[in-house]
ModelCIF file with pLDDT and N, C-alpha, C, O atoms, coordinates in Angstrom:
data_MODEL
#
_entry.id   MODEL 
#
_entity.id                         1 
_entity.type                       polymer 
_entity.pdbx_number_of_molecules   1 
#
_entity_poly.entity_id                      1 
_entity_poly.type                           'polypeptide(L)' 
_entity_poly.nstd_linkage                   no 
_entity_poly.nstd_monomer                   no 
_entity_poly.pdbx_seq_one_letter_code       FDEVVDSLQQLLGDDIARAVIVDRGELTIHVAPDRVADVCQSM 
_entity_poly.pdbx_seq_one_letter_code_can   FDEVVDSLQQLLGDDIARAVIVDRGELTIHVAPDRVADVCQSM 
_entity_poly.pdbx_strand_id                 A 
#
loop_
_entity_poly_seq.entity_id 
_entity_poly_seq.num 
_entity_poly_seq.mon_id 
_entity_poly_seq.hetero 
1 1  PHE n 
1 2  ASP n 
1 3  GLU n 
1 4  VAL n 
1 5  VAL n 
1 6  ASP n 
1 7  SER n 
1 8  LEU n 
1 9  GLN n 
1 10 GLN n 
1 11 LEU n 
1 12 LEU n 
1 13 GLY n 
1 14 ASP n 
1 15 ASP n 
1 16 ILE n 
1 17 ALA n 
1 18 ARG n 
1 19 ALA n 
1 20 VAL n 
1 21 ILE n 
1 22 VAL n 
1 23 ASP n 
1 24 ARG n 
1 25 GLY n 
1 26 GLU n 
1 27 LEU n 
1 28 THR n 
1 29 ILE n 
1 30 HIS n 
1 31 VAL n 
1 32 ALA n 
1 33 PRO n 
1 34 ASP n 
1 35 ARG n 
1 36 VAL n 
1 37 ALA n 
1 38 ASP n 
1 39 VAL n 
1 40 CYS n 
1 41 GLN n 
1 42 SER n 
1 43 MET n 
#
_struct_asym.id          A 
_struct_asym.entity_id   1 
#
loop_
_ma_qa_metric.id 
_ma_qa_metric.mode 
_ma_qa_metric.name 
_ma_qa_metric.software_group_id 
_ma_qa_metric.type 
1 global pLDDT . pLDDT 
2 local  pLDDT . pLDDT 
#
_ma_qa_metric_global.metric_id      1 
_ma_qa_metric_global.metric_value   93.00 
_ma_qa_metric_global.model_id       1 
_ma_qa_metric_global.ordinal_id     1 
#
loop_
_ma_qa_metric_local.label_asym_id 
_ma_qa_metric_local.label_comp_id 
_ma_qa_metric_local.label_seq_id 
_ma_qa_metric_local.metric_id 
_ma_qa_metric_local.metric_value 
_ma_qa_metric_local.model_id 
_ma_qa_metric_local.ordinal_id 
A PHE 1  2 94.00 1 1  
A ASP 2  2 93.00 1 2  
A GLU 3  2 93.00 1 3  
A VAL 4  2 94.00 1 4  
A VAL 5  2 93.00 1 5  
A ASP 6  2 93.00 1 6  
A SER 7  2 94.00 1 7  
A LEU 8  2 93.00 1 8  
A GLN 9  2 93.00 1 9  
A GLN 10 2 93.00 1 10 
A LEU 11 2 94.00 1 11 
A LEU 12 2 93.00 1 12 
A GLY 13 2 91.00 1 13 
A ASP 14 2 89.00 1 14 
A ASP 15 2 89.00 1 15 
A ILE 16 2 92.00 1 16 
A ALA 17 2 91.00 1 17 
A ARG 18 2 90.00 1 18 
A ALA 19 2 91.00 1 19 
A VAL 20 2 93.00 1 20 
A ILE 21 2 92.00 1 21 
A VAL 22 2 92.00 1 22 
A ASP 23 2 88.00 1 23 
A ARG 24 2 89.00 1 24 
A GLY 25 2 90.00 1 25 
A GLU 26 2 92.00 1 26 
A LEU 27 2 94.00 1 27 
A THR 28 2 94.00 1 28 
A ILE 29 2 95.00 1 29 
A HIS 30 2 95.00 1 30 
A VAL 31 2 95.00 1 31 
A ALA 32 2 95.00 1 32 
A PRO 33 2 94.00 1 33 
A ASP 34 2 93.00 1 34 
A ARG 35 2 94.00 1 35 
A VAL 36 2 95.00 1 36 
A ALA 37 2 95.00 1 37 
A ASP 38 2 94.00 1 38 
A VAL 39 2 95.00 1 39 
A CYS 40 2 96.00 1 40 
A GLN 41 2 96.00 1 41 
A SER 42 2 95.00 1 42 
A MET 43 2 95.00 1 43 
#
loop_
_atom_site.group_PDB 
_atom_site.id 
_atom_site.type_symbol 
_atom_site.label_atom_id 
_atom_site.label_alt_id 
_atom_site.label_comp_id 
_atom_site.label_asym_id 
_atom_site.label_entity_id 
_atom_site.label_seq_id 
_atom_site.pdbx_PDB_ins_code 
_atom_site.Cartn_x 
_atom_site.Cartn_y 
_atom_site.Cartn_z 
_atom_site.occupancy 
_atom_site.B_iso_or_equiv 
_atom_site.pdbx_formal_charge 
_atom_site.auth_seq_id 
_atom_site.auth_comp_id 
_atom_site.auth_asym_id 
_atom_site.auth_atom_id 
_atom_site.pdbx_PDB_model_num 
ATOM 1   N N  . PHE A 1 1  ? -61.376 47.434 -44.066 1.00 94.00 ? 1  PHE A N  1 
ATOM 2   C CA . PHE A 1 1  ? -61.190 47.568 -42.627 1.00 94.00 ? 1  PHE A CA 1 
ATOM 3   C C  . PHE A 1 1  ? -62.405 48.193 -41.934 1.00 94.00 ? 1  PHE A C  1 
ATOM 4   O O  . PHE A 1 1  ? -62.810 47.748 -40.860 1.00 94.00 ? 1  PHE A O  1 
ATOM 5   N N  . ASP A 1 2  ? -62.976 49.214 -42.547 1.00 93.00 ? 2  ASP A N  1 
ATOM 6   C CA . ASP A 1 2  ? -64.150 49.857 -41.939 1.00 93.00 ? 2  ASP A CA 1 
ATOM 7   C C  . ASP A 1 2  ? -65.304 48.866 -41.815 1.00 93.00 ? 2  ASP A C  1 
ATOM 8   O O  . ASP A 1 2  ? -65.997 48.840 -40.797 1.00 93.00 ? 2  ASP A O  1 
ATOM 9   N N  . GLU A 1 3  ? -65.509 48.057 -42.841 1.00 93.00 ? 3  GLU A N  1 
ATOM 10  C CA . GLU A 1 3  ? -66.598 47.084 -42.815 1.00 93.00 ? 3  GLU A CA 1 
ATOM 11  C C  . GLU A 1 3  ? -66.414 46.076 -41.691 1.00 93.00 ? 3  GLU A C  1 
ATOM 12  O O  . GLU A 1 3  ? -67.376 45.727 -41.007 1.00 93.00 ? 3  GLU A O  1 
ATOM 13  N N  . VAL A 1 4  ? -65.187 45.607 -41.496 1.00 94.00 ? 4  VAL A N  1 
ATOM 14  C CA . VAL A 1 4  ? -64.905 44.633 -40.441 1.00 94.00 ? 4  VAL A CA 1 
ATOM 15  C C  . VAL A 1 4  ? -65.145 45.233 -39.066 1.00 94.00 ? 4  VAL A C  1 
ATOM 16  O O  . VAL A 1 4  ? -65.806 44.622 -38.227 1.00 94.00 ? 4  VAL A O  1 
ATOM 17  N N  . VAL A 1 5  ? -64.613 46.421 -38.829 1.00 93.00 ? 5  VAL A N  1 
ATOM 18  C CA . VAL A 1 5  ? -64.756 47.061 -37.521 1.00 93.00 ? 5  VAL A CA 1 
ATOM 19  C C  . VAL A 1 5  ? -66.218 47.390 -37.243 1.00 93.00 ? 5  VAL A C  1 
ATOM 20  O O  . VAL A 1 5  ? -66.702 47.165 -36.134 1.00 93.00 ? 5  VAL A O  1 
ATOM 21  N N  . ASP A 1 6  ? -66.922 47.916 -38.233 1.00 93.00 ? 6  ASP A N  1 
ATOM 22  C CA . ASP A 1 6  ? -68.342 48.258 -38.051 1.00 93.00 ? 6  ASP A CA 1 
ATOM 23  C C  . ASP A 1 6  ? -69.165 47.013 -37.725 1.00 93.00 ? 6  ASP A C  1 
ATOM 24  O O  . ASP A 1 6  ? -70.024 47.056 -36.845 1.00 93.00 ? 6  ASP A O  1 
ATOM 25  N N  . SER A 1 7  ? -68.914 45.914 -38.418 1.00 94.00 ? 7  SER A N  1 
ATOM 26  C CA . SER A 1 7  ? -69.652 44.675 -38.173 1.00 94.00 ? 7  SER A CA 1 
ATOM 27  C C  . SER A 1 7  ? -69.382 44.167 -36.761 1.00 94.00 ? 7  SER A C  1 
ATOM 28  O O  . SER A 1 7  ? -70.302 43.721 -36.075 1.00 94.00 ? 7  SER A O  1 
ATOM 29  N N  . LEU A 1 8  ? -68.140 44.231 -36.330 1.00 93.00 ? 8  LEU A N  1 
ATOM 30  C CA . LEU A 1 8  ? -67.788 43.751 -34.994 1.00 93.00 ? 8  LEU A CA 1 
ATOM 31  C C  . LEU A 1 8  ? -68.430 44.617 -33.916 1.00 93.00 ? 8  LEU A C  1 
ATOM 32  O O  . LEU A 1 8  ? -68.906 44.099 -32.906 1.00 93.00 ? 8  LEU A O  1 
ATOM 33  N N  . GLN A 1 9  ? -68.447 45.916 -34.120 1.00 93.00 ? 9  GLN A N  1 
ATOM 34  C CA . GLN A 1 9  ? -69.075 46.808 -33.138 1.00 93.00 ? 9  GLN A CA 1 
ATOM 35  C C  . GLN A 1 9  ? -70.588 46.631 -33.102 1.00 93.00 ? 9  GLN A C  1 
ATOM 36  O O  . GLN A 1 9  ? -71.187 46.741 -32.032 1.00 93.00 ? 9  GLN A O  1 
ATOM 37  N N  . GLN A 1 10 ? -71.203 46.369 -34.207 1.00 93.00 ? 10 GLN A N  1 
ATOM 38  C CA . GLN A 1 10 ? -72.642 46.108 -34.209 1.00 93.00 ? 10 GLN A CA 1 
ATOM 39  C C  . GLN A 1 10 ? -72.983 44.834 -33.450 1.00 93.00 ? 10 GLN A C  1 
ATOM 40  O O  . GLN A 1 10 ? -74.043 44.744 -32.831 1.00 93.00 ? 10 GLN A O  1 
ATOM 41  N N  . LEU A 1 11 ? -72.099 43.857 -33.493 1.00 94.00 ? 11 LEU A N  1 
ATOM 42  C CA . LEU A 1 11 ? -72.346 42.589 -32.816 1.00 94.00 ? 11 LEU A CA 1 
ATOM 43  C C  . LEU A 1 11 ? -72.071 42.659 -31.320 1.00 94.00 ? 11 LEU A C  1 
ATOM 44  O O  . LEU A 1 11 ? -72.827 42.103 -30.524 1.00 94.00 ? 11 LEU A O  1 
ATOM 45  N N  . LEU A 1 12 ? -70.986 43.342 -30.929 1.00 93.00 ? 12 LEU A N  1 
ATOM 46  C CA . LEU A 1 12 ? -70.515 43.291 -29.545 1.00 93.00 ? 12 LEU A CA 1 
ATOM 47  C C  . LEU A 1 12 ? -70.458 44.635 -28.843 1.00 93.00 ? 12 LEU A C  1 
ATOM 48  O O  . LEU A 1 12 ? -70.059 44.699 -27.680 1.00 93.00 ? 12 LEU A O  1 
ATOM 49  N N  . GLY A 1 13 ? -70.844 45.704 -29.512 1.00 91.00 ? 13 GLY A N  1 
ATOM 50  C CA . GLY A 1 13 ? -70.848 47.019 -28.881 1.00 91.00 ? 13 GLY A CA 1 
ATOM 51  C C  . GLY A 1 13 ? -69.702 47.894 -29.349 1.00 91.00 ? 13 GLY A C  1 
ATOM 52  O O  . GLY A 1 13 ? -68.648 47.402 -29.751 1.00 91.00 ? 13 GLY A O  1 
ATOM 53  N N  . ASP A 1 14 ? -69.922 49.194 -29.290 1.00 89.00 ? 14 ASP A N  1 
ATOM 54  C CA . ASP A 1 14 ? -68.928 50.147 -29.782 1.00 89.00 ? 14 ASP A CA 1 
ATOM 55  C C  . ASP A 1 14 ? -67.634 50.114 -28.977 1.00 89.00 ? 14 ASP A C  1 
ATOM 56  O O  . ASP A 1 14 ? -66.578 50.493 -29.485 1.00 89.00 ? 14 ASP A O  1 
ATOM 57  N N  . ASP A 1 15 ? -67.706 49.664 -27.723 1.00 89.00 ? 15 ASP A N  1 
ATOM 58  C CA . ASP A 1 15 ? -66.530 49.675 -26.864 1.00 89.00 ? 15 ASP A CA 1 
ATOM 59  C C  . ASP A 1 15 ? -65.743 48.376 -26.919 1.00 89.00 ? 15 ASP A C  1 
ATOM 60  O O  . ASP A 1 15 ? -64.819 48.193 -26.126 1.00 89.00 ? 15 ASP A O  1 
ATOM 61  N N  . ILE A 1 16 ? -66.077 47.470 -27.827 1.00 92.00 ? 16 ILE A N  1 
ATOM 62  C CA . ILE A 1 16 ? -65.382 46.188 -27.889 1.00 92.00 ? 16 ILE A CA 1 
ATOM 63  C C  . ILE A 1 16 ? -63.920 46.363 -28.271 1.00 92.00 ? 16 ILE A C  1 
ATOM 64  O O  . ILE A 1 16 ? -63.084 45.566 -27.846 1.00 92.00 ? 16 ILE A O  1 
ATOM 65  N N  . ALA A 1 17 ? -63.588 47.368 -29.051 1.00 91.00 ? 17 ALA A N  1 
ATOM 66  C CA . ALA A 1 17 ? -62.207 47.605 -29.465 1.00 91.00 ? 17 ALA A CA 1 
ATOM 67  C C  . ALA A 1 17 ? -61.587 48.671 -28.580 1.00 91.00 ? 17 ALA A C  1 
ATOM 68  O O  . ALA A 1 17 ? -62.087 49.794 -28.512 1.00 91.00 ? 17 ALA A O  1 
ATOM 69  N N  . ARG A 1 18 ? -60.509 48.329 -27.910 1.00 90.00 ? 18 ARG A N  1 
ATOM 70  C CA . ARG A 1 18 ? -59.769 49.319 -27.133 1.00 90.00 ? 18 ARG A CA 1 
ATOM 71  C C  . ARG A 1 18 ? -59.050 50.304 -28.050 1.00 90.00 ? 18 ARG A C  1 
ATOM 72  O O  . ARG A 1 18 ? -58.881 51.476 -27.714 1.00 90.00 ? 18 ARG A O  1 
ATOM 73  N N  . ALA A 1 19 ? -58.640 49.820 -29.187 1.00 91.00 ? 19 ALA A N  1 
ATOM 74  C CA . ALA A 1 19 ? -58.010 50.669 -30.199 1.00 91.00 ? 19 ALA A CA 1 
ATOM 75  C C  . ALA A 1 19 ? -58.047 49.934 -31.525 1.00 91.00 ? 19 ALA A C  1 
ATOM 76  O O  . ALA A 1 19 ? -58.043 48.703 -31.563 1.00 91.00 ? 19 ALA A O  1 
ATOM 77  N N  . VAL A 1 20 ? -58.083 50.691 -32.612 1.00 93.00 ? 20 VAL A N  1 
ATOM 78  C CA . VAL A 1 20 ? -58.065 50.139 -33.962 1.00 93.00 ? 20 VAL A CA 1 
ATOM 79  C C  . VAL A 1 20 ? -56.930 50.822 -34.710 1.00 93.00 ? 20 VAL A C  1 
ATOM 80  O O  . VAL A 1 20 ? -56.928 52.041 -34.882 1.00 93.00 ? 20 VAL A O  1 
ATOM 81  N N  . ILE A 1 21 ? -55.972 50.024 -35.150 1.00 92.00 ? 21 ILE A N  1 
ATOM 82  C CA . ILE A 1 21 ? -54.766 50.566 -35.768 1.00 92.00 ? 21 ILE A CA 1 
ATOM 83  C C  . ILE A 1 21 ? -54.616 50.026 -37.183 1.00 92.00 ? 21 ILE A C  1 
ATOM 84  O O  . ILE A 1 21 ? -54.705 48.818 -37.406 1.00 92.00 ? 21 ILE A O  1 
ATOM 85  N N  . VAL A 1 22 ? -54.389 50.920 -38.131 1.00 92.00 ? 22 VAL A N  1 
ATOM 86  C CA . VAL A 1 22 ? -54.006 50.523 -39.483 1.00 92.00 ? 22 VAL A CA 1 
ATOM 87  C C  . VAL A 1 22 ? -52.565 50.974 -39.686 1.00 92.00 ? 22 VAL A C  1 
ATOM 88  O O  . VAL A 1 22 ? -52.260 52.166 -39.639 1.00 92.00 ? 22 VAL A O  1 
ATOM 89  N N  . ASP A 1 23 ? -51.696 50.013 -39.911 1.00 88.00 ? 23 ASP A N  1 
ATOM 90  C CA . ASP A 1 23 ? -50.273 50.307 -40.048 1.00 88.00 ? 23 ASP A CA 1 
ATOM 91  C C  . ASP A 1 23 ? -49.682 49.394 -41.120 1.00 88.00 ? 23 ASP A C  1 
ATOM 92  O O  . ASP A 1 23 ? -49.875 48.179 -41.083 1.00 88.00 ? 23 ASP A O  1 
ATOM 93  N N  . ARG A 1 24 ? -48.971 49.976 -42.062 1.00 89.00 ? 24 ARG A N  1 
ATOM 94  C CA . ARG A 1 24 ? -48.352 49.218 -43.147 1.00 89.00 ? 24 ARG A CA 1 
ATOM 95  C C  . ARG A 1 24 ? -49.380 48.383 -43.916 1.00 89.00 ? 24 ARG A C  1 
ATOM 96  O O  . ARG A 1 24 ? -49.093 47.271 -44.359 1.00 89.00 ? 24 ARG A O  1 
ATOM 97  N N  . GLY A 1 25 ? -50.577 48.943 -44.063 1.00 90.00 ? 25 GLY A N  1 
ATOM 98  C CA . GLY A 1 25 ? -51.611 48.272 -44.824 1.00 90.00 ? 25 GLY A CA 1 
ATOM 99  C C  . GLY A 1 25 ? -52.236 47.086 -44.114 1.00 90.00 ? 25 GLY A C  1 
ATOM 100 O O  . GLY A 1 25 ? -52.866 46.248 -44.760 1.00 90.00 ? 25 GLY A O  1 
ATOM 101 N N  . GLU A 1 26 ? -52.077 46.993 -42.786 1.00 92.00 ? 26 GLU A N  1 
ATOM 102 C CA . GLU A 1 26 ? -52.630 45.888 -42.014 1.00 92.00 ? 26 GLU A CA 1 
ATOM 103 C C  . GLU A 1 26 ? -53.482 46.420 -40.870 1.00 92.00 ? 26 GLU A C  1 
ATOM 104 O O  . GLU A 1 26 ? -53.192 47.473 -40.302 1.00 92.00 ? 26 GLU A O  1 
ATOM 105 N N  . LEU A 1 27 ? -54.533 45.684 -40.541 1.00 94.00 ? 27 LEU A N  1 
ATOM 106 C CA . LEU A 1 27 ? -55.480 46.089 -39.504 1.00 94.00 ? 27 LEU A CA 1 
ATOM 107 C C  . LEU A 1 27 ? -55.228 45.312 -38.221 1.00 94.00 ? 27 LEU A C  1 
ATOM 108 O O  . LEU A 1 27 ? -55.171 44.082 -38.235 1.00 94.00 ? 27 LEU A O  1 
ATOM 109 N N  . THR A 1 28 ? -55.077 46.032 -37.109 1.00 94.00 ? 28 THR A N  1 
ATOM 110 C CA . THR A 1 28 ? -54.951 45.427 -35.784 1.00 94.00 ? 28 THR A CA 1 
ATOM 111 C C  . THR A 1 28 ? -56.047 45.972 -34.889 1.00 94.00 ? 28 THR A C  1 
ATOM 112 O O  . THR A 1 28 ? -56.213 47.185 -34.763 1.00 94.00 ? 28 THR A O  1 
ATOM 113 N N  . ILE A 1 29 ? -56.800 45.063 -34.265 1.00 95.00 ? 29 ILE A N  1 
ATOM 114 C CA . ILE A 1 29 ? -57.865 45.438 -33.345 1.00 95.00 ? 29 ILE A CA 1 
ATOM 115 C C  . ILE A 1 29 ? -57.440 45.010 -31.941 1.00 95.00 ? 29 ILE A C  1 
ATOM 116 O O  . ILE A 1 29 ? -57.240 43.822 -31.688 1.00 95.00 ? 29 ILE A O  1 
ATOM 117 N N  . HIS A 1 30 ? -57.300 45.968 -31.034 1.00 95.00 ? 30 HIS A N  1 
ATOM 118 C CA . HIS A 1 30 ? -56.915 45.679 -29.652 1.00 95.00 ? 30 HIS A CA 1 
ATOM 119 C C  . HIS A 1 30 ? -58.177 45.467 -28.821 1.00 95.00 ? 30 HIS A C  1 
ATOM 120 O O  . HIS A 1 30 ? -59.090 46.292 -28.842 1.00 95.00 ? 30 HIS A O  1 
ATOM 121 N N  . VAL A 1 31 ? -58.220 44.355 -28.089 1.00 95.00 ? 31 VAL A N  1 
ATOM 122 C CA . VAL A 1 31 ? -59.395 44.014 -27.295 1.00 95.00 ? 31 VAL A CA 1 
ATOM 123 C C  . VAL A 1 31 ? -58.964 43.643 -25.885 1.00 95.00 ? 31 VAL A C  1 
ATOM 124 O O  . VAL A 1 31 ? -57.786 43.380 -25.641 1.00 95.00 ? 31 VAL A O  1 
ATOM 125 N N  . ALA A 1 32 ? -59.917 43.619 -24.953 1.00 95.00 ? 32 ALA A N  1 
ATOM 126 C CA . ALA A 1 32 ? -59.653 43.231 -23.575 1.00 95.00 ? 32 ALA A CA 1 
ATOM 127 C C  . ALA A 1 32 ? -59.381 41.733 -23.500 1.00 95.00 ? 32 ALA A C  1 
ATOM 128 O O  . ALA A 1 32 ? -59.949 40.969 -24.280 1.00 95.00 ? 32 ALA A O  1 
ATOM 129 N N  . PRO A 1 33 ? -58.522 41.298 -22.578 1.00 94.00 ? 33 PRO A N  1 
ATOM 130 C CA . PRO A 1 33 ? -58.162 39.867 -22.524 1.00 94.00 ? 33 PRO A CA 1 
ATOM 131 C C  . PRO A 1 33 ? -59.324 38.942 -22.220 1.00 94.00 ? 33 PRO A C  1 
ATOM 132 O O  . PRO A 1 33 ? -59.309 37.784 -22.638 1.00 94.00 ? 33 PRO A O  1 
ATOM 133 N N  . ASP A 1 34 ? -60.336 39.423 -21.498 1.00 93.00 ? 34 ASP A N  1 
ATOM 134 C CA . ASP A 1 34 ? -61.473 38.554 -21.184 1.00 93.00 ? 34 ASP A CA 1 
ATOM 135 C C  . ASP A 1 34 ? -62.525 38.533 -22.290 1.00 93.00 ? 34 ASP A C  1 
ATOM 136 O O  . ASP A 1 34 ? -63.522 37.821 -22.174 1.00 93.00 ? 34 ASP A O  1 
ATOM 137 N N  . ARG A 1 35 ? -62.320 39.302 -23.363 1.00 94.00 ? 35 ARG A N  1 
ATOM 138 C CA . ARG A 1 35 ? -63.273 39.344 -24.471 1.00 94.00 ? 35 ARG A CA 1 
ATOM 139 C C  . ARG A 1 35 ? -62.746 38.677 -25.735 1.00 94.00 ? 35 ARG A C  1 
ATOM 140 O O  . ARG A 1 35 ? -63.440 38.636 -26.751 1.00 94.00 ? 35 ARG A O  1 
ATOM 141 N N  . VAL A 1 36 ? -61.530 38.157 -25.679 1.00 95.00 ? 36 VAL A N  1 
ATOM 142 C CA . VAL A 1 36 ? -60.909 37.600 -26.878 1.00 95.00 ? 36 VAL A CA 1 
ATOM 143 C C  . VAL A 1 36 ? -61.750 36.471 -27.474 1.00 95.00 ? 36 VAL A C  1 
ATOM 144 O O  . VAL A 1 36 ? -61.966 36.432 -28.685 1.00 95.00 ? 36 VAL A O  1 
ATOM 145 N N  . ALA A 1 37 ? -62.229 35.547 -26.623 1.00 95.00 ? 37 ALA A N  1 
ATOM 146 C CA . ALA A 1 37 ? -63.012 34.416 -27.130 1.00 95.00 ? 37 ALA A CA 1 
ATOM 147 C C  . ALA A 1 37 ? -64.320 34.885 -27.753 1.00 95.00 ? 37 ALA A C  1 
ATOM 148 O O  . ALA A 1 37 ? -64.733 34.369 -28.791 1.00 95.00 ? 37 ALA A O  1 
ATOM 149 N N  . ASP A 1 38 ? -64.979 35.869 -27.121 1.00 94.00 ? 38 ASP A N  1 
ATOM 150 C CA . ASP A 1 38 ? -66.223 36.404 -27.682 1.00 94.00 ? 38 ASP A CA 1 
ATOM 151 C C  . ASP A 1 38 ? -65.987 37.042 -29.044 1.00 94.00 ? 38 ASP A C  1 
ATOM 152 O O  . ASP A 1 38 ? -66.769 36.857 -29.977 1.00 94.00 ? 38 ASP A O  1 
ATOM 153 N N  . VAL A 1 39 ? -64.894 37.796 -29.140 1.00 95.00 ? 39 VAL A N  1 
ATOM 154 C CA . VAL A 1 39 ? -64.573 38.449 -30.411 1.00 95.00 ? 39 VAL A CA 1 
ATOM 155 C C  . VAL A 1 39 ? -64.298 37.409 -31.491 1.00 95.00 ? 39 VAL A C  1 
ATOM 156 O O  . VAL A 1 39 ? -64.788 37.532 -32.613 1.00 95.00 ? 39 VAL A O  1 
ATOM 157 N N  . CYS A 1 40 ? -63.513 36.383 -31.155 1.00 96.00 ? 40 CYS A N  1 
ATOM 158 C CA . CYS A 1 40 ? -63.189 35.348 -32.137 1.00 96.00 ? 40 CYS A CA 1 
ATOM 159 C C  . CYS A 1 40 ? -64.439 34.588 -32.575 1.00 96.00 ? 40 CYS A C  1 
ATOM 160 O O  . CYS A 1 40 ? -64.577 34.237 -33.747 1.00 96.00 ? 40 CYS A O  1 
ATOM 161 N N  . GLN A 1 41 ? -65.343 34.337 -31.641 1.00 96.00 ? 41 GLN A N  1 
ATOM 162 C CA . GLN A 1 41 ? -66.584 33.641 -31.996 1.00 96.00 ? 41 GLN A CA 1 
ATOM 163 C C  . GLN A 1 41 ? -67.373 34.437 -33.030 1.00 96.00 ? 41 GLN A C  1 
ATOM 164 O O  . GLN A 1 41 ? -67.867 33.881 -34.011 1.00 96.00 ? 41 GLN A O  1 
ATOM 165 N N  . SER A 1 42 ? -67.486 35.739 -32.802 1.00 95.00 ? 42 SER A N  1 
ATOM 166 C CA . SER A 1 42 ? -68.206 36.591 -33.747 1.00 95.00 ? 42 SER A CA 1 
ATOM 167 C C  . SER A 1 42 ? -67.456 36.721 -35.067 1.00 95.00 ? 42 SER A C  1 
ATOM 168 O O  . SER A 1 42 ? -68.065 36.726 -36.137 1.00 95.00 ? 42 SER A O  1 
ATOM 169 N N  . MET A 1 43 ? -66.135 36.826 -34.985 1.00 95.00 ? 43 MET A N  1 
ATOM 170 C CA . MET A 1 43 ? -65.346 36.956 -36.207 1.00 95.00 ? 43 MET A CA 1 
ATOM 171 C C  . MET A 1 43 ? -65.483 35.711 -37.076 1.00 95.00 ? 43 MET A C  1 
ATOM 172 O O  . MET A 1 43 ? -64.886 35.640 -38.150 1.00 95.00 ? 43 MET A O  1 
#
C-alpha cells in the first residue's frame, strides 16, 4: 500500500489523495471527482 500511494503522489502531487484508508486488509484512496480520470490514467 505504501508503494502504491507514494508512486501516485510522486506522479500527481501529495494532495491528490483526500484520504487514504486501510480497512480489513484493503486499500481505499479517496480522490476529488474531477481528478478521477487523471488518477486512473496514472494508475
